[in-house]
Amino acid sequence: MDQSQRTPNVWVVRADGGEFTKACVDGGCTGIGWEGVGNLTDVADKDHLARIYVNQPNLQEGKGTINTNVSTIWRFANAIKRGDWVITPGRNPSDLRYGKVSSDYFWLSNPTDGCRYSHRKRVEWASKPLERGALSQGFQRTLTSWITVFRCSHVDEFLERIGERPRRRPAAAVLAEQLRPYELAIERILTLNPTEFEQLIGHLLAAMGFEIEVTQPVSDGGVDFRGVLNVSNAAQVAITGQVKRYQPSSKITARPIRDLRGRIPIGSQGTFVTTSDYTKDARRVAEEDGFARVGLINGEQLIDLLTQHWQAIPDEFRDALSLKPILVPA
């Protein structure tokens, strides 16, 4: 097949947890470690690579680890093709750099450009990062995997987010678009009054494991709920939050995020929930260094979370909304 006609894959390459992300972007490449196996240009197949791998001096890995690492190296060198896309998270979890692969595999001995990887492919990196907070919950969960190199299944969403629609959409995605599951669900949620909406979000957060207090409207001071998540007594996360029922066409600006941030107690984080979405400035303020982080949940992410925890929502809300969870392509 002509490579220019195939549907591109989307790969995640982790760059040692983001340690070398900036060096890769600055150097116009992506890469992986395991320099001990040497140049793979003339390695015939995966079995050949496995023999090279196990013959490394002082190797002390178990069989499972060996198989995993061999598969990862082979995947990077051979499965990632020209024209594919690469996503590499940075040190900051919200910083997702992405670019298009523009070369085949090559080996760079003794790198001197700040990136220690010798196994490389050239990448044309986009000038701006991908907004992690704007991605669906399913897409974001995929990115939490610590596998060094893996293929991402959210190709349609990725291409839509970066402004490149896929040539051919899967039938399930077309059907979901026709049914407008997110829009229809949000329309139902907008029929709730403000107090009911706050209570719904409180029930959702409780289903996620938080101990939640929904504040009284007359005395909330701009704070709609407070909560604590106790993780098996190993850690506690305190949140202070606000909710806004907005039409999808109206985005949350930076000012409400700053207002909420000013009401977050020391040691707590912020959470903002809306039925619409956020401007770029609002997302920037939510992650601004030197201030308490404000987690942002937009309308689509809210529906994803409600779908995931629907059975834990009280009957009166489920009856009032008259919604049923369906399989929405993530």
C-alpha atoms as a PDB file:
ATOM      1  CA  MET A   1       0.000   0.000   0.000  1.00  0.00           C
ATOM      2  CA  ASP A   2       1.116   3.520  -0.756  1.00  0.00           C
ATOM      3  CA  GLN A   3       2.030   4.957   2.673  1.00  0.00           C
ATOM      4  CA  SER A   4       0.509   8.308   1.723  1.00  0.00           C
ATOM      5  CA  GLN A   5      -2.933   6.659   1.319  1.00  0.00           C
ATOM      6  CA  ARG A   6      -3.101   4.661   4.546  1.00  0.00           C
ATOM      7  CA  THR A   7      -4.817   5.897   7.702  1.00  0.00           C
ATOM      8  CA  PRO A   8      -2.057   7.102  10.061  1.00  0.00           C
ATOM      9  CA  ASN A   9      -1.614   5.540  13.481  1.00  0.00           C
ATOM     10  CA  VAL A  10      -1.190   7.564  16.653  1.00  0.00           C
ATOM     11  CA  TRP A  11       1.586   6.439  19.005  1.00  0.00           C
ATOM     12  CA  VAL A  12       2.543   7.456  22.513  1.00  0.00           C
ATOM     13  CA  VAL A  13       6.313   7.508  23.186  1.00  0.00           C
ATOM     14  CA  ARG A  14       7.016   8.379  26.800  1.00  0.00           C
ATOM     15  CA  ALA A  15      10.604   9.791  26.762  1.00  0.00           C
ATOM     16  CA  ASP A  16      11.394   8.539  30.293  1.00  0.00           C
ATOM     17  CA  GLY A  17       8.333  10.109  31.883  1.00  0.00           C
ATOM     18  CA  GLY A  18       8.883  13.397  30.086  1.00  0.00           C
ATOM     19  CA  GLU A  19      12.513  13.815  31.167  1.00  0.00           C
ATOM     20  CA  PHE A  20      13.724  14.054  27.552  1.00  0.00           C
ATOM     21  CA  THR A  21      10.582  15.473  25.927  1.00  0.00           C
ATOM     22  CA  LYS A  22      12.014  18.970  25.482  1.00  0.00           C
ATOM     23  CA  ALA A  23      15.266  17.575  24.064  1.00  0.00           C
ATOM     24  CA  CYS A  24      13.311  15.476  21.553  1.00  0.00           C
ATOM     25  CA  VAL A  25      11.187  18.430  20.478  1.00  0.00           C
ATOM     26  CA  ASP A  26      14.204  20.740  20.216  1.00  0.00           C
ATOM     27  CA  GLY A  27      16.086  18.096  18.238  1.00  0.00           C
ATOM     28  CA  GLY A  28      13.193  17.257  15.907  1.00  0.00           C
ATOM     29  CA  CYS A  29      13.134  13.598  16.834  1.00  0.00           C
ATOM     30  CA  THR A  30      11.613  10.897  18.985  1.00  0.00           C
ATOM     31  CA  GLY A  31      13.612   8.100  20.552  1.00  0.00           C
ATOM     32  CA  ILE A  32      13.954   5.297  23.080  1.00  0.00           C
ATOM     33  CA  GLY A  33      16.748   3.919  25.251  1.00  0.00           C
ATOM     34  CA  TRP A  34      18.154   0.379  25.344  1.00  0.00           C
ATOM     35  CA  GLU A  35      21.355   1.550  23.680  1.00  0.00           C
ATOM     36  CA  GLY A  36      22.963  -1.752  24.704  1.00  0.00           C
ATOM     37  CA  VAL A  37      21.302  -3.653  21.855  1.00  0.00           C
ATOM     38  CA  GLY A  38      23.092  -1.450  19.322  1.00  0.00           C
ATOM     39  CA  ASN A  39      22.078  -0.354  15.824  1.00  0.00           C
ATOM     40  CA  LEU A  40      18.884  -2.100  14.597  1.00  0.00           C
ATOM     41  CA  THR A  41      19.154  -1.074  10.946  1.00  0.00           C
ATOM     42  CA  ASP A  42      20.161  -4.566   9.801  1.00  0.00           C
ATOM     43  CA  VAL A  43      18.130  -6.571  12.334  1.00  0.00           C
ATOM     44  CA  ALA A  44      16.009  -8.929  10.239  1.00  0.00           C
ATOM     45  CA  ASP A  45      13.095  -9.735  12.544  1.00  0.00           C
ATOM     46  CA  LYS A  46      11.887  -9.786  16.130  1.00  0.00           C
ATOM     47  CA  ASP A  47      13.526 -13.134  16.873  1.00  0.00           C
ATOM     48  CA  HIS A  48      16.853 -11.735  15.696  1.00  0.00           C
ATOM     49  CA  LEU A  49      16.364  -8.767  18.035  1.00  0.00           C
ATOM     50  CA  ALA A  50      15.517 -11.108  20.936  1.00  0.00           C
ATOM     51  CA  ARG A  51      18.793 -12.991  20.467  1.00  0.00           C
ATOM     52  CA  ILE A  52      20.725  -9.721  20.487  1.00  0.00           C
ATOM     53  CA  TYR A  53      18.874  -8.537  23.580  1.00  0.00           C
ATOM     54  CA  VAL A  54      19.525 -11.605  25.736  1.00  0.00           C
ATOM     55  CA  ASN A  55      23.228 -11.530  24.816  1.00  0.00           C
ATOM     56  CA  GLN A  56      23.761  -8.130  26.434  1.00  0.00           C
ATOM     57  CA  PRO A  57      26.441  -8.349  29.145  1.00  0.00           C
ATOM     58  CA  ASN A  58      25.278  -8.424  32.787  1.00  0.00           C
ATOM     59  CA  LEU A  59      21.620  -8.806  31.823  1.00  0.00           C
ATOM     60  CA  GLN A  60      19.580  -9.660  34.939  1.00  0.00           C
ATOM     61  CA  GLU A  61      15.985  -9.409  33.720  1.00  0.00           C
ATOM     62  CA  GLY A  62      13.281 -12.046  33.924  1.00  0.00           C
ATOM     63  CA  LYS A  63      11.712 -13.622  30.855  1.00  0.00           C
ATOM     64  CA  GLY A  64       8.577 -11.451  31.071  1.00  0.00           C
ATOM     65  CA  THR A  65      10.565  -8.221  31.204  1.00  0.00           C
ATOM     66  CA  ILE A  66      12.779  -9.349  28.342  1.00  0.00           C
ATOM     67  CA  ASN A  67       9.770 -10.134  26.125  1.00  0.00           C
ATOM     68  CA  THR A  68       8.141  -6.786  26.968  1.00  0.00           C
ATOM     69  CA  ASN A  69      11.284  -4.798  26.213  1.00  0.00           C
ATOM     70  CA  VAL A  70      12.008  -6.643  22.967  1.00  0.00           C
ATOM     71  CA  SER A  71       8.431  -5.960  21.798  1.00  0.00           C
ATOM     72  CA  THR A  72       8.753  -2.277  22.727  1.00  0.00           C
ATOM     73  CA  ILE A  73      12.035  -1.835  20.842  1.00  0.00           C
ATOM     74  CA  TRP A  74      10.738  -3.690  17.782  1.00  0.00           C
ATOM     75  CA  ARG A  75       7.508  -1.653  17.834  1.00  0.00           C
ATOM     76  CA  PHE A  76       9.443   1.610  17.852  1.00  0.00           C
ATOM     77  CA  ALA A  77      11.833   0.605  15.085  1.00  0.00           C
ATOM     78  CA  ASN A  78       9.353  -1.070  12.741  1.00  0.00           C
ATOM     79  CA  ALA A  79       5.688  -0.432  13.578  1.00  0.00           C
ATOM     80  CA  ILE A  80       5.903   3.366  13.713  1.00  0.00           C
ATOM     81  CA  LYS A  81       5.849   4.535  10.085  1.00  0.00           C
ATOM     82  CA  ARG A  82       6.414   7.784   8.238  1.00  0.00           C
ATOM     83  CA  GLY A  83       3.215   9.805   8.370  1.00  0.00           C
ATOM     84  CA  ASP A  84       2.169   8.413  11.755  1.00  0.00           C
ATOM     85  CA  TRP A  85       1.644  10.758  14.687  1.00  0.00           C
ATOM     86  CA  VAL A  86       3.541  10.689  17.968  1.00  0.00           C
ATOM     87  CA  ILE A  87       2.348  12.057  21.312  1.00  0.00           C
ATOM     88  CA  THR A  88       4.964  12.558  24.030  1.00  0.00           C
ATOM     89  CA  PRO A  89       3.915  13.818  27.483  1.00  0.00           C
ATOM     90  CA  GLY A  90       6.210  16.341  29.133  1.00  0.00           C
ATOM     91  CA  ARG A  91       7.227  16.629  32.783  1.00  0.00           C
ATOM     92  CA  ASN A  92       4.017  18.541  33.404  1.00  0.00           C
ATOM     93  CA  PRO A  93       1.166  16.027  32.881  1.00  0.00           C
ATOM     94  CA  SER A  94      -0.846  18.705  31.042  1.00  0.00           C
ATOM     95  CA  ASP A  95       1.950  19.243  28.484  1.00  0.00           C
ATOM     96  CA  LEU A  96       1.327  16.896  25.546  1.00  0.00           C
ATOM     97  CA  ARG A  97       3.680  17.470  22.615  1.00  0.00           C
ATOM     98  CA  TYR A  98       2.744  15.900  19.299  1.00  0.00           C
ATOM     99  CA  GLY A  99       4.165  15.693  15.804  1.00  0.00           C
ATOM    100  CA  LYS A 100       4.292  13.723  12.560  1.00  0.00           C
ATOM    101  CA  VAL A 101       6.961  11.076  11.951  1.00  0.00           C
ATOM    102  CA  SER A 102       9.061  12.085   8.937  1.00  0.00           C
ATOM    103  CA  SER A 103      11.761   9.389   8.686  1.00  0.00           C
ATOM    104  CA  ASP A 104      12.439   5.712   9.067  1.00  0.00           C
ATOM    105  CA  TYR A 105      14.427   4.337  12.003  1.00  0.00           C
ATOM    106  CA  PHE A 106      18.035   5.449  12.335  1.00  0.00           C
ATOM    107  CA  TRP A 107      20.824   5.011  14.879  1.00  0.00           C
ATOM    108  CA  LEU A 108      22.776   7.922  16.331  1.00  0.00           C
ATOM    109  CA  SER A 109      25.874   6.848  18.199  1.00  0.00           C
ATOM    110  CA  ASN A 110      27.104   9.112  21.017  1.00  0.00           C
ATOM    111  CA  PRO A 111      24.321  11.751  20.890  1.00  0.00           C
ATOM    112  CA  THR A 112      25.446  15.251  21.886  1.00  0.00           C
ATOM    113  CA  ASP A 113      22.171  17.175  21.540  1.00  0.00           C
ATOM    114  CA  GLY A 114      20.893  16.736  25.104  1.00  0.00           C
ATOM    115  CA  CYS A 115      18.842  13.632  24.331  1.00  0.00           C
ATOM    116  CA  ARG A 116      20.582  10.399  25.277  1.00  0.00           C
ATOM    117  CA  TYR A 117      18.577   8.174  22.910  1.00  0.00           C
ATOM    118  CA  SER A 118      20.426   6.469  20.071  1.00  0.00           C
ATOM    119  CA  HIS A 119      17.351   4.713  18.608  1.00  0.00           C
ATOM    120  CA  ARG A 120      15.568   7.525  16.759  1.00  0.00           C
ATOM    121  CA  LYS A 121      13.067   8.713  14.190  1.00  0.00           C
ATOM    122  CA  ARG A 122      12.685  12.258  12.946  1.00  0.00           C
ATOM    123  CA  VAL A 123       9.504  14.096  13.877  1.00  0.00           C
ATOM    124  CA  GLU A 124       7.989  17.381  12.697  1.00  0.00           C
ATOM    125  CA  TRP A 125       6.675  18.608  16.056  1.00  0.00           C
ATOM    126  CA  ALA A 126       3.719  20.981  16.264  1.00  0.00           C
ATOM    127  CA  SER A 127       4.602  24.373  17.698  1.00  0.00           C
ATOM    128  CA  LYS A 128       1.905  24.201  20.394  1.00  0.00           C
ATOM    129  CA  PRO A 129       1.087  21.311  22.741  1.00  0.00           C
ATOM    130  CA  LEU A 130      -2.163  19.382  22.713  1.00  0.00           C
ATOM    131  CA  GLU A 131      -4.577  20.428  25.475  1.00  0.00           C
ATOM    132  CA  ARG A 132      -4.845  17.380  27.719  1.00  0.00           C
ATOM    133  CA  GLY A 133      -7.793  18.816  29.631  1.00  0.00           C
ATOM    134  CA  ALA A 134      -9.840  19.096  26.426  1.00  0.00           C
ATOM    135  CA  LEU A 135      -9.559  15.362  25.691  1.00  0.00           C
ATOM    136  CA  SER A 136     -12.250  12.827  26.567  1.00  0.00           C
ATOM    137  CA  GLN A 137     -11.912  10.884  29.809  1.00  0.00           C
ATOM    138  CA  GLY A 138     -11.171   7.724  27.819  1.00  0.00           C
ATOM    139  CA  PHE A 139      -8.358   9.403  25.911  1.00  0.00           C
ATOM    140  CA  GLN A 140      -6.886  10.841  29.121  1.00  0.00           C
ATOM    141  CA  ARG A 141      -6.988   7.437  30.837  1.00  0.00           C
ATOM    142  CA  THR A 142      -5.104   5.927  27.897  1.00  0.00           C
ATOM    143  CA  LEU A 143      -2.286   8.436  28.391  1.00  0.00           C
ATOM    144  CA  THR A 144      -1.719   7.313  31.998  1.00  0.00           C
ATOM    145  CA  SER A 145      -0.200   4.023  30.821  1.00  0.00           C
ATOM    146  CA  TRP A 146       3.499   3.738  31.618  1.00  0.00           C
ATOM    147  CA  ILE A 147       4.291   1.516  28.626  1.00  0.00           C
ATOM    148  CA  THR A 148       7.178   3.188  26.804  1.00  0.00           C
ATOM    149  CA  VAL A 149       5.737   2.853  23.289  1.00  0.00           C
ATOM    150  CA  PHE A 150       2.103   2.004  22.535  1.00  0.00           C
ATOM    151  CA  ARG A 151      -0.506   2.676  19.892  1.00  0.00           C
ATOM    152  CA  CYS A 152      -3.379   4.963  20.883  1.00  0.00           C
ATOM    153  CA  SER A 153      -6.896   3.898  19.853  1.00  0.00           C
ATOM    154  CA  HIS A 154      -8.365   7.430  19.907  1.00  0.00           C
ATOM    155  CA  VAL A 155      -7.286   8.282  16.368  1.00  0.00           C
ATOM    156  CA  ASP A 156     -10.487  10.081  15.335  1.00  0.00           C
ATOM    157  CA  GLU A 157     -10.540  12.291  18.413  1.00  0.00           C
ATOM    158  CA  PHE A 158      -6.840  13.119  18.063  1.00  0.00           C
ATOM    159  CA  LEU A 159      -7.171  14.097  14.405  1.00  0.00           C
ATOM    160  CA  GLU A 160     -10.238  16.196  15.176  1.00  0.00           C
ATOM    161  CA  ARG A 161      -8.459  17.974  18.057  1.00  0.00           C
ATOM    162  CA  ILE A 162      -5.490  18.954  15.888  1.00  0.00           C
ATOM    163  CA  GLY A 163      -7.706  19.995  12.978  1.00  0.00           C
ATOM    164  CA  GLU A 164      -7.130  17.026  10.658  1.00  0.00           C
ATOM    165  CA  ARG A 165     -10.225  14.909  10.094  1.00  0.00           C
ATOM    166  CA  PRO A 166      -9.644  11.250   9.202  1.00  0.00           C
ATOM    167  CA  ARG A 167     -10.332  10.234   5.596  1.00  0.00           C
ATOM    168  CA  ARG A 168     -12.744   7.492   6.626  1.00  0.00           C
ATOM    169  CA  ARG A 169     -14.674   7.358   9.902  1.00  0.00           C
ATOM    170  CA  PRO A 170     -15.645   4.039  11.528  1.00  0.00           C
ATOM    171  CA  ALA A 171     -19.350   3.212  11.345  1.00  0.00           C
ATOM    172  CA  ALA A 172     -19.697   3.341  15.146  1.00  0.00           C
ATOM    173  CA  ALA A 173     -18.315   6.875  15.255  1.00  0.00           C
ATOM    174  CA  VAL A 174     -20.660   8.010  12.464  1.00  0.00           C
ATOM    175  CA  LEU A 175     -23.638   6.489  14.300  1.00  0.00           C
ATOM    176  CA  ALA A 176     -22.666   8.199  17.552  1.00  0.00           C
ATOM    177  CA  GLU A 177     -22.366  11.505  15.707  1.00  0.00           C
ATOM    178  CA  GLN A 178     -25.841  11.052  14.226  1.00  0.00           C
ATOM    179  CA  LEU A 179     -27.333  10.209  17.616  1.00  0.00           C
ATOM    180  CA  ARG A 180     -25.597  13.204  19.252  1.00  0.00           C
ATOM    181  CA  PRO A 181     -25.311  11.369  22.606  1.00  0.00           C
ATOM    182  CA  TYR A 182     -23.376  14.126  24.358  1.00  0.00           C
ATOM    183  CA  GLU A 183     -25.597  16.938  23.117  1.00  0.00           C
ATOM    184  CA  LEU A 184     -28.800  15.113  24.016  1.00  0.00           C
ATOM    185  CA  ALA A 185     -27.549  14.250  27.496  1.00  0.00           C
ATOM    186  CA  ILE A 186     -26.434  17.829  28.158  1.00  0.00           C
ATOM    187  CA  GLU A 187     -29.812  19.127  26.969  1.00  0.00           C
ATOM    188  CA  ARG A 188     -31.451  16.940  29.632  1.00  0.00           C
ATOM    189  CA  ILE A 189     -29.045  18.085  32.342  1.00  0.00           C
ATOM    190  CA  LEU A 190     -29.767  21.725  31.493  1.00  0.00           C
ATOM    191  CA  THR A 191     -33.412  21.125  32.470  1.00  0.00           C
ATOM    192  CA  LEU A 192     -32.265  20.814  36.117  1.00  0.00           C
ATOM    193  CA  ASN A 193     -32.388  23.970  38.205  1.00  0.00           C
ATOM    194  CA  PRO A 194     -29.095  25.273  39.683  1.00  0.00           C
ATOM    195  CA  THR A 195     -29.581  23.569  43.055  1.00  0.00           C
ATOM    196  CA  GLU A 196     -30.464  20.232  41.441  1.00  0.00           C
ATOM    197  CA  PHE A 197     -27.411  20.483  39.201  1.00  0.00           C
ATOM    198  CA  GLU A 198     -25.139  21.113  42.203  1.00  0.00           C
ATOM    199  CA  GLN A 199     -26.672  18.097  43.942  1.00  0.00           C
ATOM    200  CA  LEU A 200     -26.161  15.930  40.853  1.00  0.00           C
ATOM    201  CA  ILE A 201     -22.451  16.847  40.770  1.00  0.00           C
ATOM    202  CA  GLY A 202     -22.242  16.126  44.512  1.00  0.00           C
ATOM    203  CA  HIS A 203     -23.703  12.648  43.953  1.00  0.00           C
ATOM    204  CA  LEU A 204     -21.298  12.061  41.036  1.00  0.00           C
ATOM    205  CA  LEU A 205     -18.245  13.012  43.126  1.00  0.00           C
ATOM    206  CA  ALA A 206     -19.509  10.811  45.964  1.00  0.00           C
ATOM    207  CA  ALA A 207     -19.777   7.921  43.494  1.00  0.00           C
ATOM    208  CA  MET A 208     -16.143   8.600  42.542  1.00  0.00           C
ATOM    209  CA  GLY A 209     -15.102   8.161  46.185  1.00  0.00           C
ATOM    210  CA  PHE A 210     -15.222  11.680  47.637  1.00  0.00           C
ATOM    211  CA  GLU A 211     -16.879  12.637  50.892  1.00  0.00           C
ATOM    212  CA  ILE A 212     -18.816  15.634  49.602  1.00  0.00           C
ATOM    213  CA  GLU A 213     -20.516  18.626  51.213  1.00  0.00           C
ATOM    214  CA  VAL A 214     -22.702  20.682  48.869  1.00  0.00           C
ATOM    215  CA  THR A 215     -22.759  24.243  50.238  1.00  0.00           C
ATOM    216  CA  GLN A 216     -25.877  26.349  50.789  1.00  0.00           C
ATOM    217  CA  PRO A 217     -26.480  28.925  48.010  1.00  0.00           C
ATOM    218  CA  VAL A 218     -26.921  31.816  50.442  1.00  0.00           C
ATOM    219  CA  SER A 219     -23.576  31.298  52.115  1.00  0.00           C
ATOM    220  CA  ASP A 220     -21.347  29.521  49.638  1.00  0.00           C
ATOM    221  CA  GLY A 221     -19.278  32.597  48.726  1.00  0.00           C
ATOM    222  CA  GLY A 222     -18.876  31.266  45.186  1.00  0.00           C
ATOM    223  CA  VAL A 223     -18.008  27.735  46.356  1.00  0.00           C
ATOM    224  CA  ASP A 224     -20.567  25.061  45.458  1.00  0.00           C
ATOM    225  CA  PHE A 225     -18.997  22.015  47.112  1.00  0.00           C
ATOM    226  CA  ARG A 226     -16.112  20.793  49.227  1.00  0.00           C
ATOM    227  CA  GLY A 227     -14.840  17.245  49.465  1.00  0.00           C
ATOM    228  CA  VAL A 228     -12.108  14.866  50.549  1.00  0.00           C
ATOM    229  CA  LEU A 229     -10.924  11.679  48.853  1.00  0.00           C
ATOM    230  CA  ASN A 230      -9.263   9.241  51.266  1.00  0.00           C
ATOM    231  CA  VAL A 231      -7.126   6.748  49.343  1.00  0.00           C
ATOM    232  CA  SER A 232      -7.008   3.736  51.677  1.00  0.00           C
ATOM    233  CA  ASN A 233      -5.558   5.947  54.431  1.00  0.00           C
ATOM    234  CA  ALA A 234      -2.404   6.314  52.313  1.00  0.00           C
ATOM    235  CA  ALA A 235      -3.237   9.792  51.053  1.00  0.00           C
ATOM    236  CA  GLN A 236      -5.987  12.391  51.124  1.00  0.00           C
ATOM    237  CA  VAL A 237      -7.007  14.828  48.393  1.00  0.00           C
ATOM    238  CA  ALA A 238      -9.136  17.821  49.389  1.00  0.00           C
ATOM    239  CA  ILE A 239     -11.093  19.710  46.725  1.00  0.00           C
ATOM    240  CA  THR A 240     -13.043  22.963  46.632  1.00  0.00           C
ATOM    241  CA  GLY A 241     -15.294  23.372  43.641  1.00  0.00           C
ATOM    242  CA  GLN A 242     -17.780  25.280  41.590  1.00  0.00           C
ATOM    243  CA  VAL A 243     -20.329  24.222  38.961  1.00  0.00           C
ATOM    244  CA  LYS A 244     -21.849  26.194  36.087  1.00  0.00           C
ATOM    245  CA  ARG A 245     -24.830  25.241  33.902  1.00  0.00           C
ATOM    246  CA  TYR A 246     -23.900  26.912  30.617  1.00  0.00           C
ATOM    247  CA  GLN A 247     -25.185  26.317  27.121  1.00  0.00           C
ATOM    248  CA  PRO A 248     -22.525  24.449  25.083  1.00  0.00           C
ATOM    249  CA  SER A 249     -22.022  27.552  22.909  1.00  0.00           C
ATOM    250  CA  SER A 250     -20.875  29.634  25.923  1.00  0.00           C
ATOM    251  CA  LYS A 251     -17.381  28.905  27.225  1.00  0.00           C
ATOM    252  CA  ILE A 252     -16.062  29.489  30.742  1.00  0.00           C
ATOM    253  CA  THR A 253     -13.487  32.303  30.701  1.00  0.00           C
ATOM    254  CA  ALA A 254     -10.434  32.789  32.894  1.00  0.00           C
ATOM    255  CA  ARG A 255     -12.130  35.084  35.425  1.00  0.00           C
ATOM    256  CA  PRO A 256     -14.346  32.449  37.139  1.00  0.00           C
ATOM    257  CA  ILE A 257     -11.301  30.171  37.398  1.00  0.00           C
ATOM    258  CA  ARG A 258      -9.300  32.935  39.113  1.00  0.00           C
ATOM    259  CA  ASP A 259     -12.246  33.666  41.422  1.00  0.00           C
ATOM    260  CA  LEU A 260     -12.477  30.029  42.476  1.00  0.00           C
ATOM    261  CA  ARG A 261      -8.703  29.782  42.884  1.00  0.00           C
ATOM    262  CA  GLY A 262      -8.826  32.678  45.350  1.00  0.00           C
ATOM    263  CA  ARG A 263     -11.236  30.708  47.552  1.00  0.00           C
ATOM    264  CA  ILE A 264      -9.235  27.471  47.710  1.00  0.00           C
ATOM    265  CA  PRO A 265      -7.831  26.794  51.210  1.00  0.00           C
ATOM    266  CA  ILE A 266      -4.156  25.967  51.643  1.00  0.00           C
ATOM    267  CA  GLY A 267      -3.588  22.266  51.011  1.00  0.00           C
ATOM    268  CA  SER A 268      -6.657  21.909  48.803  1.00  0.00           C
ATOM    269  CA  GLN A 269      -7.173  21.748  45.043  1.00  0.00           C
ATOM    270  CA  GLY A 270      -9.897  23.266  42.906  1.00  0.00           C
ATOM    271  CA  THR A 271     -12.453  21.549  40.701  1.00  0.00           C
ATOM    272  CA  PHE A 272     -14.632  23.359  38.170  1.00  0.00           C
ATOM    273  CA  VAL A 273     -17.488  21.509  36.443  1.00  0.00           C
ATOM    274  CA  THR A 274     -19.527  22.860  33.532  1.00  0.00           C
ATOM    275  CA  THR A 275     -21.913  21.628  30.873  1.00  0.00           C
ATOM    276  CA  SER A 276     -20.021  23.697  28.268  1.00  0.00           C
ATOM    277  CA  ASP A 277     -16.251  24.094  27.820  1.00  0.00           C
ATOM    278  CA  TYR A 278     -13.335  26.422  28.662  1.00  0.00           C
ATOM    279  CA  THR A 279     -11.379  29.050  26.790  1.00  0.00           C
ATOM    280  CA  LYS A 280      -7.636  28.602  26.299  1.00  0.00           C
ATOM    281  CA  ASP A 281      -6.979  31.361  28.847  1.00  0.00           C
ATOM    282  CA  ALA A 282      -9.153  29.538  31.394  1.00  0.00           C
ATOM    283  CA  ARG A 283      -7.145  26.335  30.906  1.00  0.00           C
ATOM    284  CA  ARG A 284      -3.893  28.260  31.213  1.00  0.00           C
ATOM    285  CA  VAL A 285      -4.986  29.891  34.479  1.00  0.00           C
ATOM    286  CA  ALA A 286      -6.115  26.517  35.860  1.00  0.00           C
ATOM    287  CA  GLU A 287      -2.554  25.161  35.500  1.00  0.00           C
ATOM    288  CA  GLU A 288      -0.652  28.354  36.345  1.00  0.00           C
ATOM    289  CA  ASP A 289       2.509  27.764  38.384  1.00  0.00           C
ATOM    290  CA  GLY A 290       2.579  29.065  41.937  1.00  0.00           C
ATOM    291  CA  PHE A 291      -1.159  28.643  42.559  1.00  0.00           C
ATOM    292  CA  ALA A 292      -3.456  25.833  43.617  1.00  0.00           C
ATOM    293  CA  ARG A 293      -4.327  23.631  40.645  1.00  0.00           C
ATOM    294  CA  VAL A 294      -7.905  23.784  39.372  1.00  0.00           C
ATOM    295  CA  GLY A 295      -9.121  20.626  37.640  1.00  0.00           C
ATOM    296  CA  LEU A 296     -11.489  21.361  34.754  1.00  0.00           C
ATOM    297  CA  ILE A 297     -14.343  19.061  33.705  1.00  0.00           C
ATOM    298  CA  ASN A 298     -16.212  20.088  30.571  1.00  0.00           C
ATOM    299  CA  GLY A 299     -19.561  18.888  29.245  1.00  0.00           C
ATOM    300  CA  GLU A 300     -18.332  15.833  27.351  1.00  0.00           C
ATOM    301  CA  GLN A 301     -16.136  14.741  30.233  1.00  0.00           C
ATOM    302  CA  LEU A 302     -19.086  15.185  32.609  1.00  0.00           C
ATOM    303  CA  ILE A 303     -21.191  12.858  30.465  1.00  0.00           C
ATOM    304  CA  ASP A 304     -18.330  10.315  30.353  1.00  0.00           C
ATOM    305  CA  LEU A 305     -18.133  10.356  34.160  1.00  0.00           C
ATOM    306  CA  LEU A 306     -21.903  10.086  34.577  1.00  0.00           C
ATOM    307  CA  THR A 307     -21.944   7.128  32.190  1.00  0.00           C
ATOM    308  CA  GLN A 308     -19.182   5.435  34.177  1.00  0.00           C
ATOM    309  CA  HIS A 309     -20.915   5.984  37.560  1.00  0.00           C
ATOM    310  CA  TRP A 310     -24.557   6.038  36.458  1.00  0.00           C
ATOM    311  CA  GLN A 311     -25.697   3.130  38.638  1.00  0.00           C
ATOM    312  CA  ALA A 312     -24.461   4.968  41.761  1.00  0.00           C
ATOM    313  CA  ILE A 313     -26.538   8.087  41.022  1.00  0.00           C
ATOM    314  CA  PRO A 314     -29.764   8.244  43.137  1.00  0.00           C
ATOM    315  CA  ASP A 315     -32.940   6.999  41.446  1.00  0.00           C
ATOM    316  CA  GLU A 316     -34.672  10.389  41.583  1.00  0.00           C
ATOM    317  CA  PHE A 317     -31.978  11.970  39.410  1.00  0.00           C
ATOM    318  CA  ARG A 318     -31.866   9.062  36.980  1.00  0.00           C
ATOM    319  CA  ASP A 319     -35.670   9.188  36.683  1.00  0.00           C
ATOM    320  CA  ALA A 320     -35.710  12.974  36.264  1.00  0.00           C
ATOM    321  CA  LEU A 321     -33.109  12.900  33.507  1.00  0.00           C
ATOM    322  CA  SER A 322     -34.555   9.809  31.777  1.00  0.00           C
ATOM    323  CA  LEU A 323     -31.156   8.850  30.411  1.00  0.00           C
ATOM    324  CA  LYS A 324     -29.633   5.448  29.802  1.00  0.00           C
ATOM    325  CA  PRO A 325     -25.896   4.778  29.424  1.00  0.00           C
ATOM    326  CA  ILE A 326     -24.895   3.794  25.903  1.00  0.00           C
ATOM    327  CA  LEU A 327     -21.608   2.801  24.336  1.00  0.00           C
ATOM    328  CA  VAL A 328     -20.051   6.034  23.105  1.00  0.00           C
ATOM    329  CA  PRO A 329     -16.839   5.615  21.038  1.00  0.00           C
ATOM    330  CA  ALA A 330     -14.122   7.206  23.177  1.00  0.00           C
END
